[in-house]
All heavy atoms as atom14 arrays in JSON, in Angstrom:
{
  "sequence": "RFTISHDNAKNTVYLQMDNLEREDSAMYSCAAGTATTVYPGPI",
  "atom14_mask": [
    [1, 1, 1, 1, 1, 1, 1, 1, 1, 1, 1, 0, 0, 0],
    [1, 1, 1, 1, 1, 1, 1, 1, 1, 1, 1, 0, 0, 0],
    [1, 1, 1, 1, 1, 1, 1, 0, 0, 0, 0, 0, 0, 0],
    [1, 1, 1, 1, 1, 1, 1, 1, 0, 0, 0, 0, 0, 0],
    [1, 1, 1, 1, 1, 1, 0, 0, 0, 0, 0, 0, 0, 0],
    [1, 1, 1, 1, 1, 1, 1, 1, 1, 1, 0, 0, 0, 0],
    [1, 1, 1, 1, 1, 1, 1, 1, 0, 0, 0, 0, 0, 0],
    [1, 1, 1, 1, 1, 1, 1, 1, 0, 0, 0, 0, 0, 0],
    [1, 1, 1, 1, 1, 0, 0, 0, 0, 0, 0, 0, 0, 0],
    [1, 1, 1, 1, 1, 1, 1, 1, 1, 0, 0, 0, 0, 0],
    [1, 1, 1, 1, 1, 1, 1, 1, 0, 0, 0, 0, 0, 0],
    [1, 1, 1, 1, 1, 1, 1, 0, 0, 0, 0, 0, 0, 0],
    [1, 1, 1, 1, 1, 1, 1, 0, 0, 0, 0, 0, 0, 0],
    [1, 1, 1, 1, 1, 1, 1, 1, 1, 1, 1, 1, 0, 0],
    [1, 1, 1, 1, 1, 1, 1, 1, 0, 0, 0, 0, 0, 0],
    [1, 1, 1, 1, 1, 1, 1, 1, 1, 0, 0, 0, 0, 0],
    [1, 1, 1, 1, 1, 1, 1, 1, 0, 0, 0, 0, 0, 0],
    [1, 1, 1, 1, 1, 1, 1, 1, 0, 0, 0, 0, 0, 0],
    [1, 1, 1, 1, 1, 1, 1, 1, 0, 0, 0, 0, 0, 0],
    [1, 1, 1, 1, 1, 1, 1, 1, 0, 0, 0, 0, 0, 0],
    [1, 1, 1, 1, 1, 1, 1, 1, 1, 0, 0, 0, 0, 0],
    [1, 1, 1, 1, 1, 1, 1, 1, 1, 1, 1, 0, 0, 0],
    [1, 1, 1, 1, 1, 1, 1, 1, 1, 0, 0, 0, 0, 0],
    [1, 1, 1, 1, 1, 1, 1, 1, 0, 0, 0, 0, 0, 0],
    [1, 1, 1, 1, 1, 1, 0, 0, 0, 0, 0, 0, 0, 0],
    [1, 1, 1, 1, 1, 0, 0, 0, 0, 0, 0, 0, 0, 0],
    [1, 1, 1, 1, 1, 1, 1, 1, 0, 0, 0, 0, 0, 0],
    [1, 1, 1, 1, 1, 1, 1, 1, 1, 1, 1, 1, 0, 0],
    [1, 1, 1, 1, 1, 1, 0, 0, 0, 0, 0, 0, 0, 0],
    [1, 1, 1, 1, 1, 1, 0, 0, 0, 0, 0, 0, 0, 0],
    [1, 1, 1, 1, 1, 0, 0, 0, 0, 0, 0, 0, 0, 0],
    [1, 1, 1, 1, 1, 0, 0, 0, 0, 0, 0, 0, 0, 0],
    [1, 1, 1, 1, 0, 0, 0, 0, 0, 0, 0, 0, 0, 0],
    [1, 1, 1, 1, 1, 1, 1, 0, 0, 0, 0, 0, 0, 0],
    [1, 1, 1, 1, 1, 0, 0, 0, 0, 0, 0, 0, 0, 0],
    [1, 1, 1, 1, 1, 1, 1, 0, 0, 0, 0, 0, 0, 0],
    [1, 1, 1, 1, 1, 1, 1, 0, 0, 0, 0, 0, 0, 0],
    [1, 1, 1, 1, 1, 1, 1, 0, 0, 0, 0, 0, 0, 0],
    [1, 1, 1, 1, 1, 1, 1, 1, 1, 1, 1, 1, 0, 0],
    [1, 1, 1, 1, 1, 1, 1, 0, 0, 0, 0, 0, 0, 0],
    [1, 1, 1, 1, 0, 0, 0, 0, 0, 0, 0, 0, 0, 0],
    [1, 1, 1, 1, 1, 1, 1, 0, 0, 0, 0, 0, 0, 0],
    [1, 1, 1, 1, 1, 1, 1, 1, 0, 0, 0, 0, 0, 0]
  ],
  "atom14_positions": [
    [[-85.11, -48.3, -173.44], [-86.33, -48.61, -174.18], [-86.47, -47.77, -175.44], [-87.03, -48.23, -176.44], [-87.56, -48.41, -173.3], [-87.58, -49.3, -172.06], [-88.89, -49.17, -171.3], [-89.12, -47.81, -170.82], [-90.12, -47.03, -171.22], [-91.01, -47.49, -172.1], [-90.26, -45.81, -170.72], [0.0, 0.0, 0.0], [0.0, 0.0, 0.0], [0.0, 0.0, 0.0]],
    [[-85.99, -46.54, -175.41], [-86.08, -45.64, -176.56], [-84.71, -45.48, -177.2], [-83.68, -45.5, -176.51], [-86.58, -44.25, -176.14], [-88.01, -44.2, -175.7], [-88.76, -45.35, -175.51], [-88.62, -42.97, -175.49], [-90.08, -45.29, -175.11], [-89.94, -42.9, -175.1], [-90.67, -44.05, -174.91], [0.0, 0.0, 0.0], [0.0, 0.0, 0.0], [0.0, 0.0, 0.0]],
    [[-84.7, -45.28, -178.51], [-83.47, -45.05, -179.25], [-83.68, -43.91, -180.22], [-84.59, -43.96, -181.06], [-83.02, -46.3, -180.02], [-82.86, -47.41, -179.13], [-81.68, -46.04, -180.71], [0.0, 0.0, 0.0], [0.0, 0.0, 0.0], [0.0, 0.0, 0.0], [0.0, 0.0, 0.0], [0.0, 0.0, 0.0], [0.0, 0.0, 0.0], [0.0, 0.0, 0.0]],
    [[-82.85, -42.88, -180.14], [-82.92, -41.77, -181.06], [-81.82, -41.93, -182.1], [-80.7, -42.35, -181.79], [-82.8, -40.41, -180.32], [-83.07, -39.25, -181.28], [-81.44, -40.27, -179.65], [-83.19, -37.9, -180.57], [0.0, 0.0, 0.0], [0.0, 0.0, 0.0], [0.0, 0.0, 0.0], [0.0, 0.0, 0.0], [0.0, 0.0, 0.0], [0.0, 0.0, 0.0]],
    [[-82.13, -41.61, -183.34], [-81.17, -41.73, -184.43], [-81.41, -40.65, -185.46], [-82.48, -40.02, -185.49], [-81.24, -43.12, -185.08], [-82.52, -43.34, -185.64], [0.0, 0.0, 0.0], [0.0, 0.0, 0.0], [0.0, 0.0, 0.0], [0.0, 0.0, 0.0], [0.0, 0.0, 0.0], [0.0, 0.0, 0.0], [0.0, 0.0, 0.0], [0.0, 0.0, 0.0]],
    [[-80.42, -40.43, -186.3], [-80.49, -39.4, -187.33], [-80.06, -39.96, -188.66], [-79.01, -40.59, -188.77], [-79.61, -38.2, -186.95], [-79.63, -37.09, -187.95], [-78.5, -36.68, -188.63], [-80.63, -36.3, -188.39], [-78.82, -35.69, -189.44], [-80.11, -35.44, -189.31], [0.0, 0.0, 0.0], [0.0, 0.0, 0.0], [0.0, 0.0, 0.0], [0.0, 0.0, 0.0]],
    [[-80.87, -39.73, -189.69], [-80.57, -40.13, -191.06], [-80.18, -38.88, -191.81], [-81.03, -38.06, -192.16], [-81.78, -40.8, -191.71], [-81.46, -41.4, -193.07], [-80.6, -40.85, -193.78], [-82.07, -42.41, -193.43], [0.0, 0.0, 0.0], [0.0, 0.0, 0.0], [0.0, 0.0, 0.0], [0.0, 0.0, 0.0], [0.0, 0.0, 0.0], [0.0, 0.0, 0.0]],
    [[-78.89, -38.73, -192.07], [-78.41, -37.52, -192.74], [-78.96, -37.38, -194.16], [-79.25, -36.28, -194.61], [-76.87, -37.53, -192.79], [-76.25, -37.29, -191.43], [-76.74, -36.49, -190.65], [-75.16, -37.99, -191.15], [0.0, 0.0, 0.0], [0.0, 0.0, 0.0], [0.0, 0.0, 0.0], [0.0, 0.0, 0.0], [0.0, 0.0, 0.0], [0.0, 0.0, 0.0]],
    [[-79.09, -38.5, -194.86], [-79.57, -38.45, -196.24], [-81.01, -37.96, -196.32], [-81.38, -37.25, -197.26], [-79.45, -39.83, -196.88], [0.0, 0.0, 0.0], [0.0, 0.0, 0.0], [0.0, 0.0, 0.0], [0.0, 0.0, 0.0], [0.0, 0.0, 0.0], [0.0, 0.0, 0.0], [0.0, 0.0, 0.0], [0.0, 0.0, 0.0], [0.0, 0.0, 0.0]],
    [[-81.83, -38.32, -195.35], [-83.23, -37.94, -195.36], [-83.52, -36.73, -194.47], [-84.66, -36.27, -194.41], [-84.1, -39.11, -194.91], [-84.05, -40.31, -195.84], [-84.97, -41.41, -195.35], [-84.96, -42.59, -196.3], [-85.87, -43.68, -195.84], [0.0, 0.0, 0.0], [0.0, 0.0, 0.0], [0.0, 0.0, 0.0], [0.0, 0.0, 0.0], [0.0, 0.0, 0.0]],
    [[-82.5, -36.24, -193.78], [-82.68, -35.12, -192.85], [-83.83, -35.4, -191.88], [-84.68, -34.53, -191.63], [-82.91, -33.82, -193.61], [-81.69, -33.36, -194.38], [-80.57, -33.43, -193.86], [-81.9, -32.89, -195.6], [0.0, 0.0, 0.0], [0.0, 0.0, 0.0], [0.0, 0.0, 0.0], [0.0, 0.0, 0.0], [0.0, 0.0, 0.0], [0.0, 0.0, 0.0]],
    [[-83.82, -36.59, -191.34], [-84.89, -37.03, -190.46], [-84.31, -37.62, -189.18], [-83.33, -38.35, -189.23], [-85.78, -38.08, -191.16], [-86.36, -37.49, -192.33], [-86.89, -38.54, -190.24], [0.0, 0.0, 0.0], [0.0, 0.0, 0.0], [0.0, 0.0, 0.0], [0.0, 0.0, 0.0], [0.0, 0.0, 0.0], [0.0, 0.0, 0.0], [0.0, 0.0, 0.0]],
    [[-84.94, -37.29, -188.07], [-84.58, -37.86, -186.77], [-85.69, -38.8, -186.34], [-86.87, -38.47, -186.46], [-84.36, -36.76, -185.73], [-84.16, -37.37, -184.34], [-83.14, -35.92, -186.09], [0.0, 0.0, 0.0], [0.0, 0.0, 0.0], [0.0, 0.0, 0.0], [0.0, 0.0, 0.0], [0.0, 0.0, 0.0], [0.0, 0.0, 0.0], [0.0, 0.0, 0.0]],
    [[-85.31, -39.96, -185.86], [-86.27, -40.97, -185.46], [-86.21, -41.21, -183.95], [-85.18, -41.0, -183.32], [-86.0, -42.3, -186.17], [-86.01, -42.19, -187.67], [-84.82, -42.04, -188.39], [-87.21, -42.25, -188.38], [-84.83, -41.95, -189.77], [-87.21, -42.15, -189.76], [-86.03, -42.0, -190.45], [-86.04, -41.9, -191.82], [0.0, 0.0, 0.0], [0.0, 0.0, 0.0]],
    [[-87.31, -41.66, -183.41], [-87.36, -42.11, -182.04], [-88.03, -43.48, -182.03], [-89.25, -43.58, -182.19], [-88.14, -41.14, -181.14], [-88.13, -41.49, -179.66], [-86.72, -41.36, -179.09], [-89.1, -40.6, -178.88], [0.0, 0.0, 0.0], [0.0, 0.0, 0.0], [0.0, 0.0, 0.0], [0.0, 0.0, 0.0], [0.0, 0.0, 0.0], [0.0, 0.0, 0.0]],
    [[-87.21, -44.51, -181.89], [-87.72, -45.87, -181.79], [-88.1, -46.14, -180.34], [-87.25, -46.04, -179.45], [-86.67, -46.88, -182.26], [-87.1, -48.33, -182.14], [-88.22, -48.69, -183.08], [-88.21, -48.29, -184.24], [-89.21, -49.42, -182.58], [0.0, 0.0, 0.0], [0.0, 0.0, 0.0], [0.0, 0.0, 0.0], [0.0, 0.0, 0.0], [0.0, 0.0, 0.0]],
    [[-89.35, -46.44, -180.11], [-89.87, -46.65, -178.76], [-90.3, -48.1, -178.62], [-91.23, -48.55, -179.29], [-91.03, -45.71, -178.46], [-90.7, -44.24, -178.68], [-92.05, -43.13, -178.21], [-93.29, -43.63, -179.41], [0.0, 0.0, 0.0], [0.0, 0.0, 0.0], [0.0, 0.0, 0.0], [0.0, 0.0, 0.0], [0.0, 0.0, 0.0], [0.0, 0.0, 0.0]],
    [[-89.61, -48.83, -177.76], [-89.91, -50.23, -177.51], [-90.36, -50.41, -176.07], [-90.08, -49.59, -175.2], [-88.68, -51.1, -177.78], [-88.23, -51.06, -179.22], [-89.09, -51.05, -180.12], [-87.0, -51.03, -179.46], [0.0, 0.0, 0.0], [0.0, 0.0, 0.0], [0.0, 0.0, 0.0], [0.0, 0.0, 0.0], [0.0, 0.0, 0.0], [0.0, 0.0, 0.0]],
    [[-91.05, -51.52, -175.82], [-91.54, -51.83, -174.47], [-92.28, -50.65, -173.86], [-92.05, -50.25, -172.72], [-90.38, -52.26, -173.57], [-89.67, -53.5, -174.06], [-90.31, -54.48, -174.45], [-88.35, -53.48, -174.04], [0.0, 0.0, 0.0], [0.0, 0.0, 0.0], [0.0, 0.0, 0.0], [0.0, 0.0, 0.0], [0.0, 0.0, 0.0], [0.0, 0.0, 0.0]],
    [[-93.2, -50.12, -174.64], [-93.93, -48.94, -174.2], [-94.77, -49.22, -172.96], [-95.33, -50.3, -172.8], [-94.83, -48.43, -175.33], [-94.09, -47.67, -176.43], [-94.94, -47.57, -177.68], [-93.72, -46.28, -175.94], [0.0, 0.0, 0.0], [0.0, 0.0, 0.0], [0.0, 0.0, 0.0], [0.0, 0.0, 0.0], [0.0, 0.0, 0.0], [0.0, 0.0, 0.0]],
    [[-94.83, -48.23, -172.1], [-95.59, -48.29, -170.87], [-96.68, -47.23, -170.89], [-96.6, -46.26, -171.64], [-94.67, -48.09, -169.66], [-93.52, -49.08, -169.6], [-92.49, -48.72, -168.55], [-92.58, -47.62, -167.97], [-91.59, -49.54, -168.3], [0.0, 0.0, 0.0], [0.0, 0.0, 0.0], [0.0, 0.0, 0.0], [0.0, 0.0, 0.0], [0.0, 0.0, 0.0]],
    [[-97.7, -47.42, -170.07], [-98.78, -46.44, -170.02], [-98.28, -45.04, -169.66], [-98.85, -44.04, -170.12], [-99.86, -46.89, -169.03], [-100.56, -48.16, -169.45], [-101.61, -48.57, -168.43], [-102.27, -49.82, -168.8], [-101.8, -51.02, -168.52], [-100.66, -51.15, -167.86], [-102.47, -52.1, -168.9], [0.0, 0.0, 0.0], [0.0, 0.0, 0.0], [0.0, 0.0, 0.0]],
    [[-97.24, -44.99, -168.87], [-96.67, -43.71, -168.48], [-96.0, -42.98, -169.64], [-95.68, -41.79, -169.52], [-95.66, -43.9, -167.34], [-96.26, -44.34, -166.02], [-96.65, -45.81, -165.99], [-96.23, -46.57, -166.9], [-97.36, -46.22, -165.06], [0.0, 0.0, 0.0], [0.0, 0.0, 0.0], [0.0, 0.0, 0.0], [0.0, 0.0, 0.0], [0.0, 0.0, 0.0]],
    [[-95.79, -43.67, -170.76], [-95.21, -43.04, -171.93], [-96.23, -42.25, -172.74], [-95.84, -41.53, -173.67], [-94.55, -44.08, -172.84], [-93.37, -44.77, -172.17], [-92.59, -44.09, -171.47], [-93.23, -46.01, -172.36], [0.0, 0.0, 0.0], [0.0, 0.0, 0.0], [0.0, 0.0, 0.0], [0.0, 0.0, 0.0], [0.0, 0.0, 0.0], [0.0, 0.0, 0.0]],
    [[-97.5, -42.39, -172.44], [-98.54, -41.68, -173.18], [-98.32, -40.18, -173.06], [-98.22, -39.64, -171.96], [-99.92, -42.05, -172.66], [-100.2, -43.42, -172.87], [0.0, 0.0, 0.0], [0.0, 0.0, 0.0], [0.0, 0.0, 0.0], [0.0, 0.0, 0.0], [0.0, 0.0, 0.0], [0.0, 0.0, 0.0], [0.0, 0.0, 0.0], [0.0, 0.0, 0.0]],
    [[-98.24, -39.5, -174.2], [-97.97, -38.07, -174.21], [-98.03, -37.54, -175.63], [-98.07, -38.31, -176.59], [-96.58, -37.78, -173.62], [0.0, 0.0, 0.0], [0.0, 0.0, 0.0], [0.0, 0.0, 0.0], [0.0, 0.0, 0.0], [0.0, 0.0, 0.0], [0.0, 0.0, 0.0], [0.0, 0.0, 0.0], [0.0, 0.0, 0.0], [0.0, 0.0, 0.0]],
    [[-98.02, -36.23, -175.75], [-97.8, -35.58, -177.02], [-96.3, -35.46, -177.2], [-95.62, -34.84, -176.37], [-98.47, -34.22, -177.07], [-98.24, -33.46, -178.37], [-99.07, -34.22, -179.78], [-100.78, -33.82, -179.4], [0.0, 0.0, 0.0], [0.0, 0.0, 0.0], [0.0, 0.0, 0.0], [0.0, 0.0, 0.0], [0.0, 0.0, 0.0], [0.0, 0.0, 0.0]],
    [[-95.78, -36.04, -178.26], [-94.35, -36.03, -178.51], [-94.03, -34.99, -179.57], [-94.63, -34.97, -180.65], [-93.87, -37.41, -178.97], [-93.75, -38.41, -177.85], [-94.88, -38.97, -177.27], [-92.5, -38.78, -177.36], [-94.78, -39.87, -176.24], [-92.39, -39.7, -176.33], [-93.53, -40.25, -175.76], [-93.42, -41.15, -174.73], [0.0, 0.0, 0.0], [0.0, 0.0, 0.0]],
    [[-93.07, -34.12, -179.28], [-92.65, -33.07, -180.2], [-91.14, -33.12, -180.38], [-90.41, -33.47, -179.46], [-93.06, -31.69, -179.67], [-94.45, -31.6, -179.45], [0.0, 0.0, 0.0], [0.0, 0.0, 0.0], [0.0, 0.0, 0.0], [0.0, 0.0, 0.0], [0.0, 0.0, 0.0], [0.0, 0.0, 0.0], [0.0, 0.0, 0.0], [0.0, 0.0, 0.0]],
    [[-90.69, -32.77, -181.56], [-89.26, -32.65, -181.79], [-88.87, -31.19, -181.87], [-89.69, -30.32, -182.18], [-88.82, -33.4, -183.05], [-89.52, -32.79, -184.6], [0.0, 0.0, 0.0], [0.0, 0.0, 0.0], [0.0, 0.0, 0.0], [0.0, 0.0, 0.0], [0.0, 0.0, 0.0], [0.0, 0.0, 0.0], [0.0, 0.0, 0.0], [0.0, 0.0, 0.0]],
    [[-87.62, -30.92, -181.53], [-87.1, -29.57, -181.53], [-85.68, -29.59, -182.08], [-84.93, -30.55, -181.87], [-87.11, -28.99, -180.11], [0.0, 0.0, 0.0], [0.0, 0.0, 0.0], [0.0, 0.0, 0.0], [0.0, 0.0, 0.0], [0.0, 0.0, 0.0], [0.0, 0.0, 0.0], [0.0, 0.0, 0.0], [0.0, 0.0, 0.0], [0.0, 0.0, 0.0]],
    [[-85.32, -28.52, -182.78], [-83.99, -28.39, -183.35], [-83.31, -27.15, -182.79], [-83.95, -26.13, -182.54], [-84.06, -28.31, -184.87], [0.0, 0.0, 0.0], [0.0, 0.0, 0.0], [0.0, 0.0, 0.0], [0.0, 0.0, 0.0], [0.0, 0.0, 0.0], [0.0, 0.0, 0.0], [0.0, 0.0, 0.0], [0.0, 0.0, 0.0], [0.0, 0.0, 0.0]],
    [[-82.01, -27.25, -182.61], [-81.26, -26.13, -182.09], [-79.77, -26.37, -182.19], [-79.3, -27.08, -183.08], [0.0, 0.0, 0.0], [0.0, 0.0, 0.0], [0.0, 0.0, 0.0], [0.0, 0.0, 0.0], [0.0, 0.0, 0.0], [0.0, 0.0, 0.0], [0.0, 0.0, 0.0], [0.0, 0.0, 0.0], [0.0, 0.0, 0.0], [0.0, 0.0, 0.0]],
    [[-79.04, -25.8, -181.26], [-77.58, -25.91, -181.25], [-77.11, -26.4, -179.9], [-77.68, -26.07, -178.86], [-76.93, -24.55, -181.56], [-77.4, -23.56, -180.64], [-77.27, -24.1, -182.97], [0.0, 0.0, 0.0], [0.0, 0.0, 0.0], [0.0, 0.0, 0.0], [0.0, 0.0, 0.0], [0.0, 0.0, 0.0], [0.0, 0.0, 0.0], [0.0, 0.0, 0.0]],
    [[-76.06, -27.19, -179.93], [-75.53, -27.78, -178.71], [-74.66, -26.79, -177.95], [-73.84, -26.08, -178.53], [-74.73, -29.03, -179.05], [0.0, 0.0, 0.0], [0.0, 0.0, 0.0], [0.0, 0.0, 0.0], [0.0, 0.0, 0.0], [0.0, 0.0, 0.0], [0.0, 0.0, 0.0], [0.0, 0.0, 0.0], [0.0, 0.0, 0.0], [0.0, 0.0, 0.0]],
    [[-74.86, -26.76, -176.65], [-74.0, -25.98, -175.76], [-73.01, -26.87, -175.02], [-71.98, -26.38, -174.55], [-74.83, -25.2, -174.75], [-75.61, -26.11, -173.95], [-75.78, -24.24, -175.46], [0.0, 0.0, 0.0], [0.0, 0.0, 0.0], [0.0, 0.0, 0.0], [0.0, 0.0, 0.0], [0.0, 0.0, 0.0], [0.0, 0.0, 0.0], [0.0, 0.0, 0.0]],
    [[-73.33, -28.14, -174.92], [-72.48, -29.13, -174.28], [-72.49, -30.39, -175.13], [-73.55, -30.8, -175.62], [-72.96, -29.46, -172.86], [-72.97, -28.27, -172.07], [-72.02, -30.47, -172.2], [0.0, 0.0, 0.0], [0.0, 0.0, 0.0], [0.0, 0.0, 0.0], [0.0, 0.0, 0.0], [0.0, 0.0, 0.0], [0.0, 0.0, 0.0], [0.0, 0.0, 0.0]],
    [[-71.34, -30.99, -175.32], [-71.22, -32.18, -176.15], [-70.97, -33.44, -175.31], [-71.54, -34.49, -175.58], [-70.09, -32.01, -177.19], [-69.91, -33.29, -178.0], [-70.4, -30.84, -178.11], [0.0, 0.0, 0.0], [0.0, 0.0, 0.0], [0.0, 0.0, 0.0], [0.0, 0.0, 0.0], [0.0, 0.0, 0.0], [0.0, 0.0, 0.0], [0.0, 0.0, 0.0]],
    [[-70.14, -33.34, -174.3], [-69.79, -34.47, -173.47], [-70.29, -34.26, -172.06], [-70.18, -33.15, -171.52], [-68.27, -34.69, -173.46], [-67.83, -35.88, -172.66], [-67.82, -37.14, -173.22], [-67.45, -35.73, -171.32], [-67.43, -38.25, -172.48], [-67.06, -36.84, -170.58], [-67.05, -38.09, -171.16], [-66.67, -39.18, -170.43], [0.0, 0.0, 0.0], [0.0, 0.0, 0.0]],
    [[-70.85, -35.32, -171.43], [-70.97, -36.7, -171.88], [-72.09, -36.94, -172.89], [-72.11, -37.97, -173.55], [-71.24, -37.46, -170.58], [-71.97, -36.48, -169.74], [-71.34, -35.15, -170.03], [0.0, 0.0, 0.0], [0.0, 0.0, 0.0], [0.0, 0.0, 0.0], [0.0, 0.0, 0.0], [0.0, 0.0, 0.0], [0.0, 0.0, 0.0], [0.0, 0.0, 0.0]],
    [[-72.99, -35.99, -173.03], [-74.06, -36.07, -174.0], [-74.5, -34.67, -174.37], [-74.2, -33.71, -173.66], [0.0, 0.0, 0.0], [0.0, 0.0, 0.0], [0.0, 0.0, 0.0], [0.0, 0.0, 0.0], [0.0, 0.0, 0.0], [0.0, 0.0, 0.0], [0.0, 0.0, 0.0], [0.0, 0.0, 0.0], [0.0, 0.0, 0.0], [0.0, 0.0, 0.0]],
    [[-75.2, -34.53, -175.48], [-75.56, -33.19, -175.96], [-76.62, -32.52, -175.09], [-77.66, -33.1, -174.78], [-76.09, -33.46, -177.37], [-76.57, -34.88, -177.33], [-75.65, -35.6, -176.39], [0.0, 0.0, 0.0], [0.0, 0.0, 0.0], [0.0, 0.0, 0.0], [0.0, 0.0, 0.0], [0.0, 0.0, 0.0], [0.0, 0.0, 0.0], [0.0, 0.0, 0.0]],
    [[-76.33, -31.31, -174.71], [-77.28, -30.41, -174.06], [-77.41, -29.21, -174.98], [-76.41, -28.59, -175.34], [-76.81, -30.01, -172.66], [-76.65, -31.25, -171.77], [-77.78, -29.02, -172.03], [-76.1, -30.95, -170.4], [0.0, 0.0, 0.0], [0.0, 0.0, 0.0], [0.0, 0.0, 0.0], [0.0, 0.0, 0.0], [0.0, 0.0, 0.0], [0.0, 0.0, 0.0]]
  ]
}
């Protein structure tokens, strides 16, 4: 339902949220850091 993406030119990260549910209600915050694990996904 959600898709995260990064626009290098704009230095912006997006979160496309589709088919939203009531349980999705929240304060959403973004955070930046460094990866400790790359595969199978970034941690």
